[in-house]
Amino acid sequence: MFHQAVQFDKRGPIRRVWQSFLLELADVDSMRCVVFPAARRSRRPAPVVLRRTTSLQACACAAGLFLSGVNSYGATVQAQGAALSGGPGCVDYWVVSARELPLGVTTTQAMERLVVWHREPSGWVRYSCPAFITALNSDVPVTFYVHGIFATAESSTAHSKKLFTEVAAGTPPFRGVLWLWPSDYQYGVSPREQVDRALVHGRVQACCLATILGSTDCTATVNLIGHSLGCEIIAAALHKLATGNIARQELIEPAVIRPRQIQAVLLAPTIGPHSLSPGGEYSAALGQVDRLVVTYNRDDLALAAYEEIRQRASLGLVGLPLPTQPQPRPKLLQVNARPAVGIRHSPSLYFDSPLITEWLRGFVSEAPPRT
């Protein structure tokens, strides 16, 4: 995950800003690592070496570990929900992987290369993308989780576990979909170049996600939950649903205007503060949702480092700009995550915090209120 070994001083803060960015986004706590203690009387800090895992098979194995015993009817999750006197929660689990997509592919090429896995009683079964879209055409709500940059398949799967089986325990039934995209740390490449490359990947991911959302006839709520740079994919996909155009890439089929119930949550988003405002990069995204919540944290170390790399502020760091006119019932809301997560950035902290999960549960399964 890092250039050979990242120097981490346990006696004090991380010395370099970009190192804190990597450590936070890689989510050290959820990954296997090997720590080599510093020699006695040596001032050299102890390096942390993280193992790199990129194979889709490892992702399936990791997902199988926490979903072992959870069949397509969600027996284990139903047991958790019954304990809370609520609904069954996640009753269907899917993994859509675009981790092997190279740079420069078109939307059509990317859709053909998407790998879809479904957890069934007999184990993991691979599906085609059209079959996956057909499975979404029902009255069961579907929740997509899109991870951020420098996240491995293992850590992203663990975070989706928290979201779908712990945060959403006891909620009405829904389908959970983990969206994996190329986000692993690359050796010998500067963080700035990797962020730029991730943004290019993100545009293609947004085109694929928008194509899937535009092709379904789902009559239930579609929930989109993203973290960090994954929020950029969600915002771009919503914008694309409205305009049919992102980064000069068109939808595979013309967008069909139909009533949809879509709600979205952007946790620590990296998009610009004015991206959702009129005239912003993703200004049309709000027109596609019934409600959208963003979290911000002015003390987020990783987003501060991201600002240093991109040379611009992010919405998750500074929050939404003040509205020019009061809005009685705005569809765009923001939550200060500082009391819940402190200065950290990892999605596991968001999913572990009662302050966040108390309202996040309503964005995983339940339908948004109609005005």
Protein backbone atom coordinates (compact mmCIF):
# COMPACT_ATOMS: atom_id res chain seq x y z
CA MET A 1 0.00 0.00 0.00
CA PHE A 2 2.89 2.38 0.53
CA HIS A 3 6.27 3.15 -1.00
CA GLN A 4 8.12 0.14 0.44
CA ALA A 5 7.52 1.17 4.07
CA VAL A 6 5.80 4.28 5.42
CA GLN A 7 7.61 5.88 8.31
CA PHE A 8 5.17 6.21 11.20
CA ASP A 9 6.27 7.68 14.51
CA LYS A 10 4.23 6.13 17.32
CA ARG A 11 5.42 8.78 19.76
CA GLY A 12 3.95 11.66 17.78
CA PRO A 13 1.82 12.64 14.79
CA ILE A 14 2.63 11.53 11.27
CA ARG A 15 5.38 13.78 10.00
CA ARG A 16 4.15 14.40 6.49
CA VAL A 17 0.70 15.49 5.41
CA TRP A 18 0.47 13.05 2.49
CA GLN A 19 1.43 10.19 4.79
CA SER A 20 -1.56 10.92 7.00
CA PHE A 21 -3.65 10.96 3.85
CA LEU A 22 -2.47 7.49 2.89
CA LEU A 23 -2.77 6.05 6.38
CA GLU A 24 -6.28 7.37 6.88
CA LEU A 25 -7.66 6.34 3.51
CA ALA A 26 -5.99 2.94 3.62
CA ASP A 27 -7.73 2.33 6.97
CA VAL A 28 -4.84 0.63 8.75
CA ASP A 29 -7.07 -0.79 11.47
CA SER A 30 -9.01 -2.97 9.03
CA MET A 31 -6.00 -4.37 7.17
CA ARG A 32 -3.37 -6.94 7.99
CA CYS A 33 -0.02 -5.28 8.59
CA VAL A 34 3.44 -6.13 9.80
CA VAL A 35 5.11 -3.71 12.20
CA PHE A 36 8.87 -3.75 12.57
CA PRO A 37 9.90 -2.18 15.91
CA ALA A 38 12.66 0.39 15.83
CA ALA A 39 16.07 -0.59 17.12
CA ARG A 40 16.97 0.41 20.66
CA ARG A 41 18.43 3.94 20.95
CA SER A 42 17.54 4.58 17.36
CA ARG A 43 15.61 7.73 16.50
CA ARG A 44 14.39 6.18 13.30
CA PRO A 45 10.60 5.69 13.53
CA ALA A 46 9.10 2.25 13.13
CA PRO A 47 7.95 1.57 9.57
CA VAL A 48 4.57 0.03 8.84
CA VAL A 49 4.36 -2.29 5.85
CA LEU A 50 0.94 -3.11 4.50
CA ARG A 51 0.34 -6.11 2.28
CA ARG A 52 -1.33 -5.45 -1.02
CA THR A 53 -4.36 -7.50 -2.11
CA THR A 54 -5.95 -6.89 -5.49
CA SER A 55 -7.45 -10.19 -6.58
CA LEU A 56 -11.18 -10.52 -6.96
CA GLN A 57 -10.93 -13.98 -5.44
CA ALA A 58 -9.62 -12.46 -2.23
CA CYS A 59 -12.61 -10.14 -2.21
CA ALA A 60 -15.01 -13.04 -2.62
CA CYS A 61 -13.27 -14.96 0.16
CA ALA A 62 -13.41 -11.96 2.47
CA ALA A 63 -17.08 -11.40 1.73
CA GLY A 64 -17.71 -15.09 2.22
CA LEU A 65 -16.17 -14.96 5.69
CA PHE A 66 -18.59 -12.42 7.06
CA LEU A 67 -21.52 -13.67 5.01
CA SER A 68 -20.95 -17.35 5.68
CA GLY A 69 -24.31 -18.76 6.61
CA VAL A 70 -26.12 -15.78 5.11
CA ASN A 71 -28.03 -17.17 2.17
CA SER A 72 -30.04 -15.22 -0.38
CA TYR A 73 -32.88 -14.99 2.14
CA GLY A 74 -30.66 -13.38 4.76
CA ALA A 75 -31.12 -15.91 7.58
CA THR A 76 -28.38 -14.50 9.79
CA VAL A 77 -29.44 -10.92 9.20
CA GLN A 78 -33.04 -11.83 9.91
CA ALA A 79 -31.95 -13.24 13.26
CA GLN A 80 -30.23 -9.94 14.09
CA GLY A 81 -33.28 -7.99 13.02
CA ALA A 82 -35.58 -10.18 15.12
CA ALA A 83 -33.43 -9.47 18.15
CA LEU A 84 -34.06 -5.76 17.60
CA SER A 85 -37.79 -6.35 17.01
CA GLY A 86 -37.46 -4.95 13.51
CA GLY A 87 -37.27 -6.12 9.91
CA PRO A 88 -34.93 -8.64 8.30
CA GLY A 89 -32.43 -6.06 7.03
CA CYS A 90 -30.16 -7.13 4.17
CA VAL A 91 -31.75 -10.09 2.40
CA ASP A 92 -29.66 -10.15 -0.77
CA TYR A 93 -25.96 -9.39 -1.24
CA TRP A 94 -24.18 -8.50 -4.49
CA VAL A 95 -20.66 -7.45 -5.41
CA VAL A 96 -20.11 -5.44 -8.60
CA SER A 97 -16.40 -5.27 -9.35
CA ALA A 98 -14.69 -2.97 -11.84
CA ARG A 99 -11.28 -3.34 -10.22
CA GLU A 100 -9.66 -4.79 -13.33
CA LEU A 101 -10.74 -2.01 -15.68
CA PRO A 102 -7.82 -0.23 -17.39
CA LEU A 103 -7.67 3.50 -17.97
CA GLY A 104 -9.18 4.91 -21.13
CA VAL A 105 -12.06 2.46 -21.63
CA THR A 106 -15.44 3.65 -22.86
CA THR A 107 -18.70 3.10 -21.03
CA THR A 108 -19.64 0.27 -23.37
CA GLN A 109 -16.31 -1.49 -22.84
CA ALA A 110 -16.52 -0.97 -19.08
CA MET A 111 -20.05 -2.40 -18.88
CA GLU A 112 -18.92 -5.48 -20.77
CA ARG A 113 -16.05 -6.03 -18.33
CA LEU A 114 -17.99 -5.56 -15.10
CA VAL A 115 -17.82 -8.64 -12.89
CA VAL A 116 -20.93 -9.34 -10.80
CA TRP A 117 -21.08 -11.84 -7.94
CA HIS A 118 -24.15 -12.92 -5.99
CA ARG A 119 -24.15 -14.64 -2.63
CA GLU A 120 -26.42 -17.71 -2.76
CA PRO A 121 -26.96 -20.68 -0.41
CA SER A 122 -24.47 -22.75 -2.42
CA GLY A 123 -21.84 -20.02 -2.39
CA TRP A 124 -20.79 -17.23 -4.75
CA VAL A 125 -22.33 -17.31 -8.23
CA ARG A 126 -21.15 -15.10 -11.07
CA TYR A 127 -23.83 -13.20 -12.99
CA SER A 128 -23.83 -11.13 -16.15
CA CYS A 129 -24.52 -7.43 -15.87
CA PRO A 130 -27.91 -7.70 -17.68
CA ALA A 131 -28.96 -10.46 -15.27
CA PHE A 132 -27.96 -8.24 -12.35
CA ILE A 133 -30.02 -5.35 -13.72
CA THR A 134 -33.00 -7.68 -14.13
CA ALA A 135 -32.65 -8.81 -10.51
CA LEU A 136 -32.95 -5.20 -9.36
CA ASN A 137 -36.34 -4.83 -11.06
CA SER A 138 -38.53 -5.48 -8.03
CA ASP A 139 -40.20 -3.75 -5.12
CA VAL A 140 -37.26 -4.47 -2.78
CA PRO A 141 -35.11 -1.40 -2.01
CA VAL A 142 -31.48 -1.58 -3.13
CA THR A 143 -28.53 0.08 -1.41
CA PHE A 144 -25.21 0.71 -3.19
CA TYR A 145 -22.05 1.31 -1.18
CA VAL A 146 -19.13 2.91 -3.06
CA HIS A 147 -15.79 2.97 -1.23
CA GLY A 148 -13.07 5.61 -1.41
CA ILE A 149 -9.51 5.74 -2.71
CA PHE A 150 -6.67 3.51 -1.41
CA ALA A 151 -9.20 0.92 -0.20
CA THR A 152 -8.52 -2.76 -0.78
CA ALA A 153 -11.15 -5.34 -1.63
CA GLU A 154 -10.79 -6.75 1.87
CA SER A 155 -11.26 -3.46 3.72
CA SER A 156 -14.16 -2.39 1.45
CA THR A 157 -15.88 -5.72 2.04
CA ALA A 158 -15.46 -5.33 5.79
CA HIS A 159 -16.98 -1.85 5.65
CA SER A 160 -19.93 -3.08 3.61
CA LYS A 161 -20.43 -5.76 6.26
CA LYS A 162 -20.74 -3.11 8.94
CA LEU A 163 -23.15 -1.10 6.84
CA PHE A 164 -25.40 -3.91 5.61
CA THR A 165 -25.46 -6.21 8.65
CA GLU A 166 -24.75 -3.99 11.67
CA VAL A 167 -25.90 -0.47 10.86
CA ALA A 168 -28.94 -1.78 8.96
CA ALA A 169 -29.82 -4.58 11.40
CA GLY A 170 -33.55 -4.62 12.07
CA THR A 171 -34.47 -2.43 9.09
CA PRO A 172 -37.02 -3.41 6.42
CA PRO A 173 -35.65 -5.85 3.79
CA PHE A 174 -33.28 -4.49 1.16
CA ARG A 175 -30.62 -5.60 -1.31
CA GLY A 176 -27.03 -4.64 -0.55
CA VAL A 177 -24.61 -3.96 -3.40
CA LEU A 178 -20.89 -3.35 -2.87
CA TRP A 179 -19.34 -1.41 -5.76
CA LEU A 180 -15.62 -2.11 -6.11
CA TRP A 181 -13.42 0.05 -8.33
CA PRO A 182 -9.62 0.35 -8.95
CA SER A 183 -8.39 2.09 -5.82
CA ASP A 184 -5.37 0.16 -4.55
CA TYR A 185 -2.21 2.03 -3.72
CA GLN A 186 0.41 1.72 -6.46
CA TYR A 187 4.10 1.42 -5.67
CA GLY A 188 6.44 3.99 -7.15
CA VAL A 189 3.67 6.43 -8.08
CA SER A 190 3.23 9.78 -6.33
CA PRO A 191 0.01 10.36 -4.33
CA ARG A 192 -0.90 13.28 -6.60
CA GLU A 193 -0.68 11.13 -9.72
CA GLN A 194 -2.66 8.36 -8.06
CA VAL A 195 -5.43 10.78 -7.09
CA ASP A 196 -5.57 12.09 -10.66
CA ARG A 197 -5.75 8.53 -11.95
CA ALA A 198 -8.49 7.67 -9.45
CA LEU A 199 -10.54 10.62 -10.68
CA VAL A 200 -10.27 9.32 -14.25
CA HIS A 201 -11.38 5.89 -13.07
CA GLY A 202 -14.18 7.53 -11.11
CA ARG A 203 -15.70 9.10 -14.21
CA VAL A 204 -15.93 5.72 -15.90
CA GLN A 205 -17.40 4.19 -12.72
CA ALA A 206 -19.99 6.96 -12.63
CA CYS A 207 -20.96 6.22 -16.23
CA CYS A 208 -21.43 2.54 -15.40
CA LEU A 209 -23.42 3.25 -12.24
CA ALA A 210 -25.62 5.77 -14.06
CA THR A 211 -26.20 3.29 -16.89
CA ILE A 212 -27.31 0.61 -14.41
CA LEU A 213 -29.58 3.01 -12.52
CA GLY A 214 -31.05 4.28 -15.78
CA SER A 215 -31.70 0.76 -17.05
CA THR A 216 -33.59 -0.60 -14.05
CA ASP A 217 -37.32 -0.56 -13.49
CA CYS A 218 -37.00 -0.76 -9.73
CA THR A 219 -40.17 0.54 -8.13
CA ALA A 220 -38.62 0.75 -4.67
CA THR A 221 -36.10 3.15 -3.17
CA VAL A 222 -32.56 3.25 -4.50
CA ASN A 223 -30.06 4.26 -1.81
CA LEU A 224 -26.56 5.47 -2.70
CA ILE A 225 -23.97 5.66 0.09
CA GLY A 226 -20.44 6.76 -0.70
CA HIS A 227 -17.31 7.52 1.27
CA SER A 228 -14.52 9.93 0.39
CA LEU A 229 -13.73 9.76 -3.33
CA GLY A 230 -16.56 7.28 -3.77
CA CYS A 231 -18.88 10.25 -3.23
CA GLU A 232 -17.47 11.73 -6.44
CA ILE A 233 -18.68 8.62 -8.31
CA ILE A 234 -22.17 8.92 -6.84
CA ALA A 235 -22.48 12.66 -7.48
CA ALA A 236 -21.25 12.22 -11.05
CA ALA A 237 -23.64 9.31 -11.64
CA LEU A 238 -26.62 11.36 -10.44
CA HIS A 239 -25.55 14.26 -12.61
CA LYS A 240 -25.21 11.92 -15.56
CA LEU A 241 -28.72 10.55 -15.00
CA ALA A 242 -30.04 14.06 -15.44
CA THR A 243 -27.84 15.23 -18.32
CA GLY A 244 -26.75 11.98 -20.01
CA ASN A 245 -23.22 13.32 -20.34
CA ILE A 246 -20.13 13.15 -18.14
CA ALA A 247 -16.58 13.57 -19.40
CA ARG A 248 -17.93 13.41 -22.99
CA GLN A 249 -19.20 9.84 -22.46
CA GLU A 250 -22.83 9.15 -23.30
CA LEU A 251 -25.23 6.64 -21.80
CA ILE A 252 -25.35 3.36 -23.69
CA GLU A 253 -29.08 3.91 -24.17
CA PRO A 254 -30.94 7.23 -24.05
CA ALA A 255 -31.92 8.13 -20.54
CA VAL A 256 -35.56 7.31 -19.81
CA ILE A 257 -37.35 9.85 -17.67
CA ARG A 258 -39.34 7.91 -15.09
CA PRO A 259 -40.28 8.57 -11.45
CA ARG A 260 -37.60 7.26 -9.12
CA GLN A 261 -37.10 7.28 -5.40
CA ILE A 262 -33.42 7.93 -4.87
CA GLN A 263 -31.72 9.08 -1.71
CA ALA A 264 -28.00 9.51 -1.19
CA VAL A 265 -25.49 9.94 1.62
CA LEU A 266 -22.02 11.40 1.00
CA LEU A 267 -19.70 10.63 3.90
CA ALA A 268 -16.62 12.88 3.97
CA PRO A 269 -16.98 13.76 0.26
CA THR A 270 -13.98 14.95 -1.75
CA ILE A 271 -16.07 16.91 -4.27
CA GLY A 272 -15.75 20.69 -4.33
CA PRO A 273 -17.83 22.79 -1.91
CA HIS A 274 -19.83 24.31 -4.78
CA SER A 275 -20.13 21.16 -6.89
CA LEU A 276 -23.82 20.69 -6.06
CA SER A 277 -24.69 24.38 -6.33
CA PRO A 278 -26.23 25.89 -9.48
CA GLY A 279 -23.53 26.05 -12.10
CA GLY A 280 -21.37 23.54 -10.22
CA GLU A 281 -19.76 20.42 -11.64
CA TYR A 282 -22.61 18.19 -10.45
CA SER A 283 -25.38 20.78 -10.24
CA ALA A 284 -27.97 18.47 -11.81
CA ALA A 285 -27.45 15.74 -9.20
CA LEU A 286 -29.94 17.22 -6.74
CA GLY A 287 -32.73 16.94 -9.29
CA GLN A 288 -32.41 13.14 -9.21
CA VAL A 289 -32.82 12.61 -5.45
CA ASP A 290 -35.58 12.99 -2.90
CA ARG A 291 -33.01 13.87 -0.27
CA LEU A 292 -29.25 13.99 0.02
CA VAL A 293 -27.13 14.25 3.17
CA VAL A 294 -23.47 15.21 3.28
CA THR A 295 -21.17 15.04 6.28
CA TYR A 296 -18.36 17.49 6.91
CA ASN A 297 -15.50 17.64 9.39
CA ARG A 298 -13.18 20.63 9.48
CA ASP A 299 -10.61 18.61 11.43
CA ASP A 300 -10.44 15.63 9.04
CA LEU A 301 -6.71 14.96 8.56
CA ALA A 302 -7.12 12.99 5.34
CA LEU A 303 -9.28 15.64 3.68
CA ALA A 304 -6.79 18.30 4.75
CA ALA A 305 -4.09 16.29 3.00
CA TYR A 306 -6.36 15.85 -0.02
CA GLU A 307 -6.74 19.64 -0.16
CA GLU A 308 -2.96 19.90 -0.18
CA ILE A 309 -2.74 17.46 -3.09
CA ARG A 310 -5.57 18.88 -5.20
CA GLN A 311 -4.94 22.50 -4.24
CA ARG A 312 -8.63 23.05 -3.54
CA ALA A 313 -10.97 22.52 -0.62
CA SER A 314 -13.44 19.64 -0.44
CA LEU A 315 -17.07 19.60 0.60
CA GLY A 316 -16.33 17.11 3.36
CA LEU A 317 -13.82 19.50 4.91
CA VAL A 318 -15.52 22.92 4.75
CA GLY A 319 -19.20 21.97 4.41
CA LEU A 320 -21.92 23.44 2.23
CA PRO A 321 -21.88 27.16 1.40
CA LEU A 322 -24.52 29.22 3.15
CA PRO A 323 -27.78 29.43 1.16
CA THR A 324 -28.69 32.80 -0.29
CA GLN A 325 -32.36 32.26 0.60
CA PRO A 326 -33.94 30.27 3.43
CA GLN A 327 -35.37 26.91 2.42
CA PRO A 328 -38.30 25.57 4.50
CA ARG A 329 -37.73 21.87 3.67
CA PRO A 330 -34.47 21.50 1.77
CA LYS A 331 -33.61 18.18 0.16
CA LEU A 332 -29.89 18.86 0.70
CA LEU A 333 -28.79 18.58 4.33
CA GLN A 334 -25.44 18.43 6.08
CA VAL A 335 -24.24 16.85 9.30
CA ASN A 336 -21.17 17.79 11.32
CA ALA A 337 -19.28 14.51 11.82
CA ARG A 338 -16.58 15.96 14.10
CA PRO A 339 -18.25 14.88 17.38
CA ALA A 340 -18.68 11.34 16.03
CA VAL A 341 -15.35 10.57 14.33
CA GLY A 342 -12.92 13.15 15.66
CA ILE A 343 -10.06 13.88 13.26
CA ARG A 344 -10.21 10.48 11.54
CA HIS A 345 -11.47 9.63 8.07
CA SER A 346 -12.05 5.87 8.02
CA PRO A 347 -15.58 4.72 7.09
CA SER A 348 -15.51 2.18 9.93
CA LEU A 349 -15.62 5.08 12.40
CA TYR A 350 -18.74 6.43 10.73
CA PHE A 351 -20.43 3.03 10.81
CA ASP A 352 -19.44 2.46 14.45
CA SER A 353 -20.68 5.82 15.73
CA PRO A 354 -24.18 5.85 17.28
CA LEU A 355 -24.46 9.54 16.35
CA ILE A 356 -24.10 8.64 12.66
CA THR A 357 -25.87 5.29 12.52
CA GLU A 358 -28.95 6.70 14.25
CA TRP A 359 -29.90 8.67 11.12
CA LEU A 360 -27.95 6.59 8.57
CA ARG A 361 -30.29 3.63 9.09
CA GLY A 362 -33.05 5.61 7.40
CA PHE A 363 -30.91 5.88 4.27
CA VAL A 364 -30.19 2.18 3.95
CA SER A 365 -33.63 0.66 3.57
CA GLU A 366 -36.54 2.96 4.32
CA ALA A 367 -38.22 5.05 1.63
CA PRO A 368 -37.79 8.84 1.82
CA PRO A 369 -40.80 10.88 2.89
CA ARG A 370 -42.85 12.34 0.08
CA THR A 371 -43.68 16.03 0.21
